[in-house]
Amino acid sequence: MTEQHPIQPEPFEPVAETTQEILMQEAAERIKALEAELQETKDKWLRGQAEMANLRARTEREVKEARLYAVQKFAKDVVEAADNLKRGIDSLPKRNDSEPEIITKLRDGFEGIERSFVALLERNQITRSDPTGAPFDANFHQAMAEQETGEHPPGTVLQAWSQSWLLNGRLLRPAMVVVAKAPTAAKIDTTA
């Protein structure tokens, strides 16, 4: 018979501690990964919330502007009618004591209609502005001519052929104006 050797146990290693350390390390890594994923999800959620708030604010602003300026095309047509009414009144002869009563009544009637019409426009945020005497502003005025003058500083609106019209503070139509410019120096005749 062969001789059997008893099985020699291998040297004892603290297997439980090594396995426990590995498990703890894996758990810690898993926790770190989950925390990173949680933070990434939080960041995405916060960005999404911010984007939604921005979208909501932008939409509210666009809706508000649409309400304010939806009538812009109509308002341009209406202010043209107001200007024509004003031109018609201005074309009537000047008041005098000897004019026929019918002319006086017509003028008074047209002036009353114009006042009522302009008041109606103003109630609906359509306003006009007479730029005469103000400095020229290319944002609100359209220069139709320049006129030499020493009485006013250059760039001053001398006359308004039409007034500027605004809808809720936004320009509907610029005023057509005559702007002051400095007088040119008188030519000296040197032939004498």
N, C-alpha and C. Protein backbone atom coordinates (compact mmCIF):
# COMPACT_ATOMS: atom_id res chain seq x y z
N MET A 1 0.78 -1.17 0.00
CA MET A 1 0.00 0.00 0.00
C MET A 1 0.84 1.25 0.00
N THR A 2 0.22 2.13 -0.56
CA THR A 2 0.94 3.38 -0.62
C THR A 2 0.63 4.16 0.63
N GLU A 3 1.54 4.86 0.89
CA GLU A 3 1.44 5.65 2.09
C GLU A 3 0.69 6.94 1.77
N GLN A 4 -0.22 7.26 2.55
CA GLN A 4 -0.97 8.49 2.33
C GLN A 4 -0.43 9.57 3.24
N HIS A 5 -0.31 10.66 2.59
CA HIS A 5 0.16 11.81 3.36
C HIS A 5 -1.05 12.59 3.83
N PRO A 6 -1.02 12.94 5.00
CA PRO A 6 -2.13 13.77 5.43
C PRO A 6 -2.09 15.14 4.72
N ILE A 7 -3.20 15.67 4.44
CA ILE A 7 -3.27 16.95 3.74
C ILE A 7 -2.81 18.03 4.71
N GLN A 8 -1.87 18.72 4.19
CA GLN A 8 -1.33 19.82 4.98
C GLN A 8 -2.16 21.07 4.70
N PRO A 9 -2.65 21.66 5.67
CA PRO A 9 -3.40 22.90 5.42
C PRO A 9 -2.43 24.00 5.00
N GLU A 10 -2.90 24.75 4.08
CA GLU A 10 -2.08 25.88 3.65
C GLU A 10 -2.07 26.90 4.77
N PRO A 11 -1.06 27.74 4.71
CA PRO A 11 -1.01 28.74 5.79
C PRO A 11 -2.29 29.59 5.77
N PHE A 12 -2.75 29.85 6.93
CA PHE A 12 -3.99 30.57 7.09
C PHE A 12 -3.81 32.03 6.71
N GLU A 13 -4.70 32.47 5.75
CA GLU A 13 -4.72 33.88 5.37
C GLU A 13 -6.06 34.43 5.81
N PRO A 14 -6.05 35.65 6.21
CA PRO A 14 -7.31 36.23 6.63
C PRO A 14 -8.18 36.54 5.41
N VAL A 15 -8.80 35.50 4.89
CA VAL A 15 -9.62 35.59 3.70
C VAL A 15 -10.80 36.53 3.93
N ALA A 16 -11.40 36.44 5.03
CA ALA A 16 -12.59 37.25 5.32
C ALA A 16 -12.26 38.74 5.25
N GLU A 17 -11.13 39.15 5.78
CA GLU A 17 -10.75 40.57 5.77
C GLU A 17 -10.50 41.04 4.35
N THR A 18 -9.82 40.27 3.55
CA THR A 18 -9.53 40.65 2.17
C THR A 18 -10.82 40.77 1.38
N THR A 19 -11.69 39.83 1.52
CA THR A 19 -12.96 39.86 0.82
C THR A 19 -13.78 41.05 1.30
N GLN A 20 -13.76 41.30 2.57
CA GLN A 20 -14.51 42.41 3.12
C GLN A 20 -13.95 43.74 2.60
N GLU A 21 -12.62 43.86 2.53
CA GLU A 21 -12.01 45.09 2.01
C GLU A 21 -12.38 45.29 0.55
N ILE A 22 -12.35 44.20 -0.22
CA ILE A 22 -12.71 44.29 -1.63
C ILE A 22 -14.17 44.71 -1.78
N LEU A 23 -15.03 44.10 -0.99
CA LEU A 23 -16.45 44.45 -1.04
C LEU A 23 -16.67 45.91 -0.64
N MET A 24 -15.97 46.38 0.36
CA MET A 24 -16.09 47.77 0.80
C MET A 24 -15.59 48.73 -0.28
N GLN A 25 -14.48 48.34 -0.90
CA GLN A 25 -13.91 49.18 -1.96
C GLN A 25 -14.87 49.23 -3.15
N GLU A 26 -15.43 48.08 -3.52
CA GLU A 26 -16.40 48.04 -4.63
C GLU A 26 -17.64 48.86 -4.29
N ALA A 27 -18.10 48.75 -3.04
CA ALA A 27 -19.27 49.51 -2.60
C ALA A 27 -18.97 51.01 -2.63
N ALA A 28 -17.79 51.40 -2.19
CA ALA A 28 -17.40 52.81 -2.20
C ALA A 28 -17.34 53.33 -3.64
N GLU A 29 -16.78 52.53 -4.54
CA GLU A 29 -16.71 52.93 -5.95
C GLU A 29 -18.12 53.04 -6.54
N ARG A 30 -18.96 52.10 -6.19
CA ARG A 30 -20.34 52.12 -6.68
C ARG A 30 -21.08 53.36 -6.14
N ILE A 31 -20.85 53.68 -4.87
CA ILE A 31 -21.47 54.87 -4.27
C ILE A 31 -20.98 56.12 -4.98
N LYS A 32 -19.67 56.20 -5.26
CA LYS A 32 -19.13 57.36 -5.97
C LYS A 32 -19.75 57.47 -7.36
N ALA A 33 -19.88 56.36 -8.04
CA ALA A 33 -20.48 56.36 -9.38
C ALA A 33 -21.93 56.82 -9.30
N LEU A 34 -22.67 56.31 -8.33
CA LEU A 34 -24.07 56.69 -8.17
C LEU A 34 -24.20 58.17 -7.79
N GLU A 35 -23.30 58.65 -6.92
CA GLU A 35 -23.32 60.07 -6.56
C GLU A 35 -23.03 60.94 -7.77
N ALA A 36 -22.07 60.54 -8.60
CA ALA A 36 -21.74 61.29 -9.81
C ALA A 36 -22.94 61.30 -10.77
N GLU A 37 -23.58 60.13 -10.90
CA GLU A 37 -24.76 60.03 -11.76
C GLU A 37 -25.89 60.90 -11.22
N LEU A 38 -26.06 60.89 -9.89
CA LEU A 38 -27.08 61.71 -9.26
C LEU A 38 -26.80 63.19 -9.51
N GLN A 39 -25.54 63.61 -9.34
CA GLN A 39 -25.17 65.00 -9.57
C GLN A 39 -25.40 65.39 -11.03
N GLU A 40 -25.06 64.50 -11.95
CA GLU A 40 -25.27 64.77 -13.38
C GLU A 40 -26.76 64.90 -13.67
N THR A 41 -27.55 64.03 -13.08
CA THR A 41 -29.01 64.09 -13.27
C THR A 41 -29.56 65.38 -12.68
N LYS A 42 -29.07 65.78 -11.49
CA LYS A 42 -29.49 67.03 -10.88
C LYS A 42 -29.16 68.22 -11.78
N ASP A 43 -27.93 68.22 -12.32
CA ASP A 43 -27.50 69.31 -13.20
C ASP A 43 -28.39 69.37 -14.44
N LYS A 44 -28.67 68.22 -15.03
CA LYS A 44 -29.54 68.19 -16.21
C LYS A 44 -30.93 68.70 -15.86
N TRP A 45 -31.43 68.30 -14.71
CA TRP A 45 -32.76 68.73 -14.28
C TRP A 45 -32.79 70.24 -14.07
N LEU A 46 -31.75 70.77 -13.39
CA LEU A 46 -31.69 72.22 -13.15
C LEU A 46 -31.58 72.99 -14.47
N ARG A 47 -30.77 72.48 -15.40
CA ARG A 47 -30.67 73.13 -16.71
C ARG A 47 -32.01 73.09 -17.42
N GLY A 48 -32.68 71.97 -17.34
CA GLY A 48 -34.00 71.84 -17.95
C GLY A 48 -34.99 72.82 -17.34
N GLN A 49 -34.95 72.96 -16.01
CA GLN A 49 -35.84 73.91 -15.33
C GLN A 49 -35.52 75.34 -15.77
N ALA A 50 -34.23 75.67 -15.87
CA ALA A 50 -33.82 77.01 -16.29
C ALA A 50 -34.27 77.27 -17.73
N GLU A 51 -34.10 76.28 -18.60
CA GLU A 51 -34.53 76.42 -19.99
C GLU A 51 -36.04 76.62 -20.07
N MET A 52 -36.78 75.88 -19.25
CA MET A 52 -38.24 76.04 -19.25
C MET A 52 -38.63 77.43 -18.74
N ALA A 53 -37.94 77.91 -17.70
CA ALA A 53 -38.24 79.25 -17.19
C ALA A 53 -37.93 80.30 -18.26
N ASN A 54 -36.81 80.14 -18.94
CA ASN A 54 -36.45 81.08 -20.02
C ASN A 54 -37.47 81.02 -21.15
N LEU A 55 -37.88 79.82 -21.52
CA LEU A 55 -38.86 79.65 -22.59
C LEU A 55 -40.20 80.29 -22.19
N ARG A 56 -40.59 80.06 -20.94
CA ARG A 56 -41.83 80.64 -20.44
C ARG A 56 -41.76 82.17 -20.48
N ALA A 57 -40.64 82.73 -20.01
CA ALA A 57 -40.48 84.19 -20.01
C ALA A 57 -40.46 84.74 -21.43
N ARG A 58 -39.73 84.08 -22.33
CA ARG A 58 -39.65 84.53 -23.72
C ARG A 58 -41.03 84.47 -24.38
N THR A 59 -41.77 83.40 -24.12
CA THR A 59 -43.10 83.25 -24.69
C THR A 59 -44.04 84.33 -24.16
N GLU A 60 -43.97 84.59 -22.85
CA GLU A 60 -44.82 85.65 -22.28
C GLU A 60 -44.48 87.00 -22.90
N ARG A 61 -43.17 87.27 -23.08
CA ARG A 61 -42.74 88.54 -23.68
C ARG A 61 -43.23 88.64 -25.12
N GLU A 62 -43.12 87.54 -25.89
CA GLU A 62 -43.57 87.55 -27.28
C GLU A 62 -45.08 87.72 -27.38
N VAL A 63 -45.82 87.09 -26.48
CA VAL A 63 -47.28 87.23 -26.48
C VAL A 63 -47.66 88.66 -26.13
N LYS A 64 -46.96 89.23 -25.14
CA LYS A 64 -47.24 90.62 -24.75
C LYS A 64 -46.95 91.56 -25.92
N GLU A 65 -45.80 91.37 -26.59
CA GLU A 65 -45.47 92.22 -27.74
C GLU A 65 -46.47 92.02 -28.87
N ALA A 66 -46.90 90.78 -29.08
CA ALA A 66 -47.88 90.52 -30.13
C ALA A 66 -49.18 91.26 -29.84
N ARG A 67 -49.58 91.28 -28.56
CA ARG A 67 -50.80 92.01 -28.19
C ARG A 67 -50.62 93.51 -28.41
N LEU A 68 -49.44 94.01 -27.99
CA LEU A 68 -49.20 95.45 -28.09
C LEU A 68 -49.11 95.93 -29.54
N TYR A 69 -48.50 95.12 -30.39
CA TYR A 69 -48.19 95.59 -31.74
C TYR A 69 -48.95 94.85 -32.84
N ALA A 70 -49.95 94.07 -32.48
CA ALA A 70 -50.72 93.32 -33.48
C ALA A 70 -51.45 94.25 -34.43
N VAL A 71 -51.79 95.40 -33.97
CA VAL A 71 -52.56 96.35 -34.78
C VAL A 71 -51.66 97.33 -35.52
N GLN A 72 -50.38 97.06 -35.58
CA GLN A 72 -49.44 98.01 -36.16
C GLN A 72 -49.79 98.38 -37.59
N LYS A 73 -50.10 97.41 -38.44
CA LYS A 73 -50.43 97.70 -39.83
C LYS A 73 -51.71 98.55 -39.90
N PHE A 74 -52.70 98.17 -39.13
CA PHE A 74 -53.94 98.94 -39.09
C PHE A 74 -53.68 100.35 -38.57
N ALA A 75 -52.85 100.46 -37.54
CA ALA A 75 -52.55 101.77 -36.94
C ALA A 75 -51.87 102.68 -37.95
N LYS A 76 -50.98 102.12 -38.78
CA LYS A 76 -50.32 102.94 -39.82
C LYS A 76 -51.36 103.53 -40.77
N ASP A 77 -52.33 102.72 -41.15
CA ASP A 77 -53.38 103.21 -42.04
C ASP A 77 -54.24 104.28 -41.37
N VAL A 78 -54.53 104.07 -40.10
CA VAL A 78 -55.37 105.01 -39.36
C VAL A 78 -54.67 106.35 -39.18
N VAL A 79 -53.36 106.34 -38.88
CA VAL A 79 -52.66 107.61 -38.70
C VAL A 79 -52.55 108.37 -40.02
N GLU A 80 -52.54 107.64 -41.11
CA GLU A 80 -52.56 108.30 -42.43
C GLU A 80 -53.88 109.06 -42.59
N ALA A 81 -54.97 108.46 -42.16
CA ALA A 81 -56.27 109.14 -42.22
C ALA A 81 -56.28 110.36 -41.30
N ALA A 82 -55.68 110.23 -40.13
CA ALA A 82 -55.61 111.37 -39.19
C ALA A 82 -54.80 112.51 -39.80
N ASP A 83 -53.69 112.18 -40.44
CA ASP A 83 -52.87 113.21 -41.09
C ASP A 83 -53.64 113.88 -42.24
N ASN A 84 -54.36 113.09 -43.01
CA ASN A 84 -55.14 113.66 -44.11
C ASN A 84 -56.24 114.60 -43.58
N LEU A 85 -56.86 114.22 -42.48
CA LEU A 85 -57.86 115.08 -41.87
C LEU A 85 -57.22 116.40 -41.42
N LYS A 86 -56.05 116.32 -40.82
CA LYS A 86 -55.34 117.52 -40.38
C LYS A 86 -54.95 118.39 -41.58
N ARG A 87 -54.47 117.77 -42.67
CA ARG A 87 -54.13 118.53 -43.88
C ARG A 87 -55.37 119.23 -44.44
N GLY A 88 -56.49 118.54 -44.42
CA GLY A 88 -57.75 119.13 -44.89
C GLY A 88 -58.13 120.36 -44.08
N ILE A 89 -58.01 120.27 -42.76
CA ILE A 89 -58.33 121.40 -41.89
C ILE A 89 -57.35 122.55 -42.17
N ASP A 90 -56.07 122.22 -42.31
CA ASP A 90 -55.06 123.26 -42.56
C ASP A 90 -55.27 123.93 -43.92
N SER A 91 -55.91 123.25 -44.86
CA SER A 91 -56.11 123.85 -46.19
C SER A 91 -57.29 124.82 -46.23
N LEU A 92 -58.11 124.83 -45.18
CA LEU A 92 -59.22 125.79 -45.14
C LEU A 92 -58.66 127.21 -45.01
N PRO A 93 -59.39 128.19 -45.54
CA PRO A 93 -58.92 129.58 -45.40
C PRO A 93 -58.82 129.96 -43.92
N LYS A 94 -57.92 130.89 -43.62
CA LYS A 94 -57.76 131.36 -42.24
C LYS A 94 -59.06 132.00 -41.76
N ARG A 95 -59.27 131.92 -40.47
CA ARG A 95 -60.47 132.51 -39.87
C ARG A 95 -60.44 134.03 -40.06
N ASN A 96 -61.60 134.55 -40.36
CA ASN A 96 -61.77 136.01 -40.33
C ASN A 96 -63.22 136.32 -40.01
N ASP A 97 -63.45 137.52 -39.60
CA ASP A 97 -64.79 137.92 -39.14
C ASP A 97 -65.81 137.98 -40.27
N SER A 98 -65.35 138.17 -41.49
CA SER A 98 -66.29 138.34 -42.60
C SER A 98 -66.59 137.03 -43.34
N GLU A 99 -66.07 135.91 -42.85
CA GLU A 99 -66.32 134.66 -43.57
C GLU A 99 -67.76 134.21 -43.35
N PRO A 100 -68.29 133.49 -44.30
CA PRO A 100 -69.66 132.98 -44.14
C PRO A 100 -69.75 132.04 -42.94
N GLU A 101 -70.89 132.06 -42.33
CA GLU A 101 -71.12 131.25 -41.13
C GLU A 101 -70.94 129.75 -41.42
N ILE A 102 -71.29 129.32 -42.61
CA ILE A 102 -71.18 127.90 -42.97
C ILE A 102 -69.71 127.45 -42.95
N ILE A 103 -68.81 128.32 -43.38
CA ILE A 103 -67.37 127.99 -43.36
C ILE A 103 -66.90 127.86 -41.91
N THR A 104 -67.33 128.76 -41.06
CA THR A 104 -66.97 128.70 -39.63
C THR A 104 -67.48 127.40 -39.02
N LYS A 105 -68.72 127.06 -39.31
CA LYS A 105 -69.30 125.82 -38.76
C LYS A 105 -68.57 124.58 -39.30
N LEU A 106 -68.26 124.58 -40.58
CA LEU A 106 -67.53 123.45 -41.16
C LEU A 106 -66.15 123.30 -40.50
N ARG A 107 -65.43 124.42 -40.38
CA ARG A 107 -64.10 124.36 -39.76
C ARG A 107 -64.21 123.84 -38.32
N ASP A 108 -65.14 124.39 -37.55
CA ASP A 108 -65.33 123.96 -36.16
C ASP A 108 -65.70 122.48 -36.10
N GLY A 109 -66.54 122.05 -37.02
CA GLY A 109 -66.94 120.64 -37.05
C GLY A 109 -65.75 119.73 -37.36
N PHE A 110 -64.98 120.09 -38.38
CA PHE A 110 -63.80 119.28 -38.74
C PHE A 110 -62.77 119.26 -37.62
N GLU A 111 -62.57 120.41 -36.96
CA GLU A 111 -61.62 120.47 -35.85
C GLU A 111 -62.10 119.60 -34.69
N GLY A 112 -63.40 119.60 -34.44
CA GLY A 112 -63.95 118.75 -33.39
C GLY A 112 -63.78 117.27 -33.72
N ILE A 113 -64.01 116.92 -34.99
CA ILE A 113 -63.82 115.53 -35.42
C ILE A 113 -62.36 115.13 -35.25
N GLU A 114 -61.45 116.03 -35.64
CA GLU A 114 -60.03 115.71 -35.52
C GLU A 114 -59.63 115.51 -34.06
N ARG A 115 -60.08 116.40 -33.17
CA ARG A 115 -59.77 116.26 -31.74
C ARG A 115 -60.29 114.93 -31.20
N SER A 116 -61.51 114.59 -31.57
CA SER A 116 -62.11 113.33 -31.12
C SER A 116 -61.34 112.13 -31.66
N PHE A 117 -60.96 112.21 -32.94
CA PHE A 117 -60.22 111.12 -33.58
C PHE A 117 -58.86 110.92 -32.93
N VAL A 118 -58.14 112.02 -32.68
CA VAL A 118 -56.82 111.92 -32.04
C VAL A 118 -56.96 111.41 -30.60
N ALA A 119 -57.99 111.83 -29.89
CA ALA A 119 -58.21 111.33 -28.53
C ALA A 119 -58.48 109.82 -28.54
N LEU A 120 -59.25 109.37 -29.52
CA LEU A 120 -59.51 107.94 -29.66
C LEU A 120 -58.21 107.18 -29.91
N LEU A 121 -57.36 107.71 -30.77
CA LEU A 121 -56.06 107.07 -31.04
C LEU A 121 -55.21 107.02 -29.78
N GLU A 122 -55.18 108.13 -29.04
CA GLU A 122 -54.38 108.17 -27.82
C GLU A 122 -54.87 107.18 -26.77
N ARG A 123 -56.17 107.00 -26.68
CA ARG A 123 -56.72 105.99 -25.75
C ARG A 123 -56.24 104.60 -26.11
N ASN A 124 -55.89 104.40 -27.38
CA ASN A 124 -55.41 103.11 -27.85
C ASN A 124 -53.89 103.10 -28.05
N GLN A 125 -53.20 103.96 -27.31
CA GLN A 125 -51.74 104.03 -27.27
C GLN A 125 -51.09 104.43 -28.59
N ILE A 126 -51.83 105.13 -29.45
CA ILE A 126 -51.27 105.65 -30.69
C ILE A 126 -51.14 107.16 -30.49
N THR A 127 -49.90 107.62 -30.41
CA THR A 127 -49.67 109.03 -30.10
C THR A 127 -48.87 109.70 -31.20
N ARG A 128 -49.05 111.01 -31.31
CA ARG A 128 -48.29 111.77 -32.29
C ARG A 128 -47.44 112.80 -31.55
N SER A 129 -46.39 113.21 -32.24
CA SER A 129 -45.47 114.15 -31.64
C SER A 129 -45.05 115.16 -32.69
N ASP A 130 -45.13 116.44 -32.33
CA ASP A 130 -44.70 117.50 -33.23
C ASP A 130 -43.25 117.83 -32.89
N PRO A 131 -42.33 117.55 -33.80
CA PRO A 131 -40.91 117.73 -33.50
C PRO A 131 -40.38 119.14 -33.73
N THR A 132 -41.24 120.08 -34.13
CA THR A 132 -40.79 121.43 -34.43
C THR A 132 -40.04 122.03 -33.25
N GLY A 133 -38.81 122.50 -33.51
CA GLY A 133 -37.98 123.09 -32.48
C GLY A 133 -37.08 122.11 -31.75
N ALA A 134 -37.30 120.83 -31.94
CA ALA A 134 -36.50 119.80 -31.26
C ALA A 134 -35.26 119.48 -32.09
N PRO A 135 -34.24 118.90 -31.47
CA PRO A 135 -33.09 118.46 -32.26
C PRO A 135 -33.49 117.30 -33.17
N PHE A 136 -32.90 117.25 -34.35
CA PHE A 136 -33.19 116.17 -35.30
C PHE A 136 -32.75 114.84 -34.70
N ASP A 137 -33.62 113.84 -34.78
CA ASP A 137 -33.33 112.49 -34.29
C ASP A 137 -33.70 111.52 -35.40
N ALA A 138 -32.69 110.90 -35.99
CA ALA A 138 -32.92 109.99 -37.12
C ALA A 138 -33.80 108.80 -36.75
N ASN A 139 -33.94 108.52 -35.47
CA ASN A 139 -34.81 107.42 -35.03
C ASN A 139 -36.29 107.77 -35.14
N PHE A 140 -36.60 109.08 -35.14
CA PHE A 140 -37.99 109.52 -35.15
C PHE A 140 -38.33 110.49 -36.28
N HIS A 141 -37.31 110.99 -36.96
CA HIS A 141 -37.53 112.01 -37.99
C HIS A 141 -36.90 111.59 -39.30
N GLN A 142 -37.51 112.02 -40.39
CA GLN A 142 -36.96 111.81 -41.72
C GLN A 142 -36.75 113.20 -42.32
N ALA A 143 -35.48 113.53 -42.56
CA ALA A 143 -35.16 114.85 -43.10
C ALA A 143 -35.56 114.90 -44.57
N MET A 144 -36.43 115.83 -44.91
CA MET A 144 -36.88 115.98 -46.28
C MET A 144 -36.15 117.14 -46.97
N ALA A 145 -35.66 118.08 -46.16
CA ALA A 145 -34.94 119.22 -46.71
C ALA A 145 -34.10 119.85 -45.60
N GLU A 146 -33.11 120.64 -46.03
CA GLU A 146 -32.32 121.44 -45.10
C GLU A 146 -32.51 122.90 -45.48
N GLN A 147 -32.47 123.74 -44.47
CA GLN A 147 -32.66 125.16 -44.72
C GLN A 147 -31.61 125.92 -43.92
N GLU A 148 -30.92 126.83 -44.61
CA GLU A 148 -29.91 127.64 -43.94
C GLU A 148 -30.61 128.64 -43.03
N THR A 149 -30.09 128.78 -41.82
CA THR A 149 -30.63 129.74 -40.87
C THR A 149 -29.57 130.05 -39.83
N GLY A 150 -29.57 131.29 -39.40
CA GLY A 150 -28.70 131.70 -38.31
C GLY A 150 -29.47 131.82 -37.00
N GLU A 151 -30.79 131.67 -37.07
CA GLU A 151 -31.65 131.82 -35.90
C GLU A 151 -31.68 130.58 -35.02
N HIS A 152 -31.43 129.41 -35.62
CA HIS A 152 -31.50 128.15 -34.87
C HIS A 152 -30.18 127.39 -35.05
N PRO A 153 -29.80 126.63 -34.04
CA PRO A 153 -28.57 125.84 -34.20
C PRO A 153 -28.74 124.77 -35.28
N PRO A 154 -27.66 124.42 -35.97
CA PRO A 154 -27.75 123.37 -36.98
C PRO A 154 -28.28 122.07 -36.36
N GLY A 155 -29.10 121.37 -37.13
CA GLY A 155 -29.67 120.11 -36.64
C GLY A 155 -31.00 120.27 -35.94
N THR A 156 -31.51 121.48 -35.85
CA THR A 156 -32.81 121.72 -35.22
C THR A 156 -33.91 121.55 -36.26
N VAL A 157 -35.00 120.95 -35.86
CA VAL A 157 -36.14 120.79 -36.76
C VAL A 157 -36.85 122.14 -36.86
N LEU A 158 -36.86 122.71 -38.06
CA LEU A 158 -37.49 124.01 -38.29
C LEU A 158 -38.98 123.87 -38.56
N GLN A 159 -39.33 122.85 -39.30
CA GLN A 159 -40.72 122.68 -39.71
C GLN A 159 -41.01 121.19 -39.86
N ALA A 160 -42.21 120.79 -39.49
CA ALA A 160 -42.63 119.39 -39.66
C ALA A 160 -43.70 119.33 -40.73
N TRP A 161 -43.41 118.66 -41.83
CA TRP A 161 -44.42 118.48 -42.87
C TRP A 161 -45.46 117.48 -42.41
N SER A 162 -45.02 116.51 -41.61
CA SER A 162 -45.94 115.58 -40.94
C SER A 162 -45.33 115.25 -39.59
N GLN A 163 -46.16 114.80 -38.69
CA GLN A 163 -45.70 114.50 -37.34
C GLN A 163 -45.32 113.03 -37.21
N SER A 164 -44.52 112.74 -36.18
CA SER A 164 -44.17 111.33 -35.94
C SER A 164 -45.31 110.69 -35.14
N TRP A 165 -45.53 109.41 -35.42
CA TRP A 165 -46.58 108.64 -34.75
C TRP A 165 -45.95 107.43 -34.09
N LEU A 166 -46.38 107.14 -32.85
CA LEU A 166 -45.86 106.02 -32.07
C LEU A 166 -47.01 105.11 -31.65
N LEU A 167 -46.73 103.82 -31.61
CA LEU A 167 -47.68 102.83 -31.08
C LEU A 167 -47.02 102.19 -29.88
N ASN A 168 -47.56 102.44 -28.69
CA ASN A 168 -46.99 101.92 -27.44
C ASN A 168 -45.50 102.25 -27.35
N GLY A 169 -45.14 103.44 -27.77
CA GLY A 169 -43.75 103.87 -27.67
C GLY A 169 -42.86 103.45 -28.84
N ARG A 170 -43.36 102.61 -29.72
CA ARG A 170 -42.59 102.15 -30.89
C ARG A 170 -42.99 103.01 -32.09
N LEU A 171 -41.99 103.40 -32.87
CA LEU A 171 -42.23 104.26 -34.02
C LEU A 171 -43.11 103.57 -35.05
N LEU A 172 -44.21 104.25 -35.39
CA LEU A 172 -45.08 103.79 -36.47
C LEU A 172 -44.69 104.46 -37.78
N ARG A 173 -44.53 105.78 -37.69
CA ARG A 173 -44.16 106.54 -38.87
C ARG A 173 -43.34 107.74 -38.45
N PRO A 174 -42.19 107.97 -39.10
CA PRO A 174 -41.36 109.12 -38.71
C PRO A 174 -41.97 110.43 -39.20
N ALA A 175 -41.59 111.51 -38.54
CA ALA A 175 -42.02 112.83 -38.97
C ALA A 175 -41.18 113.24 -40.18
N MET A 176 -41.81 113.86 -41.12
CA MET A 176 -41.10 114.40 -42.29
C MET A 176 -40.77 115.85 -41.95
N VAL A 177 -39.48 116.18 -41.90
CA VAL A 177 -39.08 117.47 -41.34
C VAL A 177 -38.11 118.24 -42.23
N VAL A 178 -38.04 119.54 -41.96
CA VAL A 178 -37.04 120.44 -42.55
C VAL A 178 -36.07 120.75 -41.42
N VAL A 179 -34.78 120.55 -41.68
CA VAL A 179 -33.75 120.67 -40.64
C VAL A 179 -32.90 121.91 -40.90
N ALA A 180 -32.53 122.59 -39.82
CA ALA A 180 -31.68 123.78 -39.92
C ALA A 180 -30.26 123.37 -40.23
N LYS A 181 -29.60 124.21 -41.06
CA LYS A 181 -28.17 124.03 -41.27
C LYS A 181 -27.52 125.39 -41.19
N ALA A 182 -26.25 125.41 -40.90
CA ALA A 182 -25.52 126.67 -40.73
C ALA A 182 -25.49 127.41 -42.06
N PRO A 183 -25.61 128.72 -42.00
CA PRO A 183 -25.55 129.49 -43.24
C PRO A 183 -24.13 129.44 -43.83
N THR A 184 -24.07 129.43 -45.15
CA THR A 184 -22.76 129.43 -45.79
C THR A 184 -22.20 130.84 -45.70
N ALA A 185 -20.89 130.94 -45.66
CA ALA A 185 -20.24 132.26 -45.58
C ALA A 185 -20.51 133.03 -46.85
N ALA A 186 -20.75 134.31 -46.71
CA ALA A 186 -21.03 135.15 -47.88
C ALA A 186 -19.78 135.21 -48.75
N LYS A 187 -19.99 135.09 -50.05
CA LYS A 187 -18.87 135.15 -50.97
C LYS A 187 -18.39 136.59 -51.08
N ILE A 188 -17.12 136.76 -51.00
CA ILE A 188 -16.54 138.10 -51.10
C ILE A 188 -16.13 138.33 -52.56
N ASP A 189 -16.57 139.45 -53.11
CA ASP A 189 -16.25 139.78 -54.51
C ASP A 189 -14.87 140.46 -54.52
N THR A 190 -13.88 139.80 -55.11
CA THR A 190 -12.52 140.32 -55.15
C THR A 190 -12.18 140.96 -56.48
N THR A 191 -13.16 141.13 -57.34
CA THR A 191 -12.90 141.70 -58.67
C THR A 191 -12.91 143.21 -58.66
N ALA A 192 -13.30 143.85 -57.59
CA ALA A 192 -13.41 145.31 -57.59
C ALA A 192 -12.10 146.01 -57.46
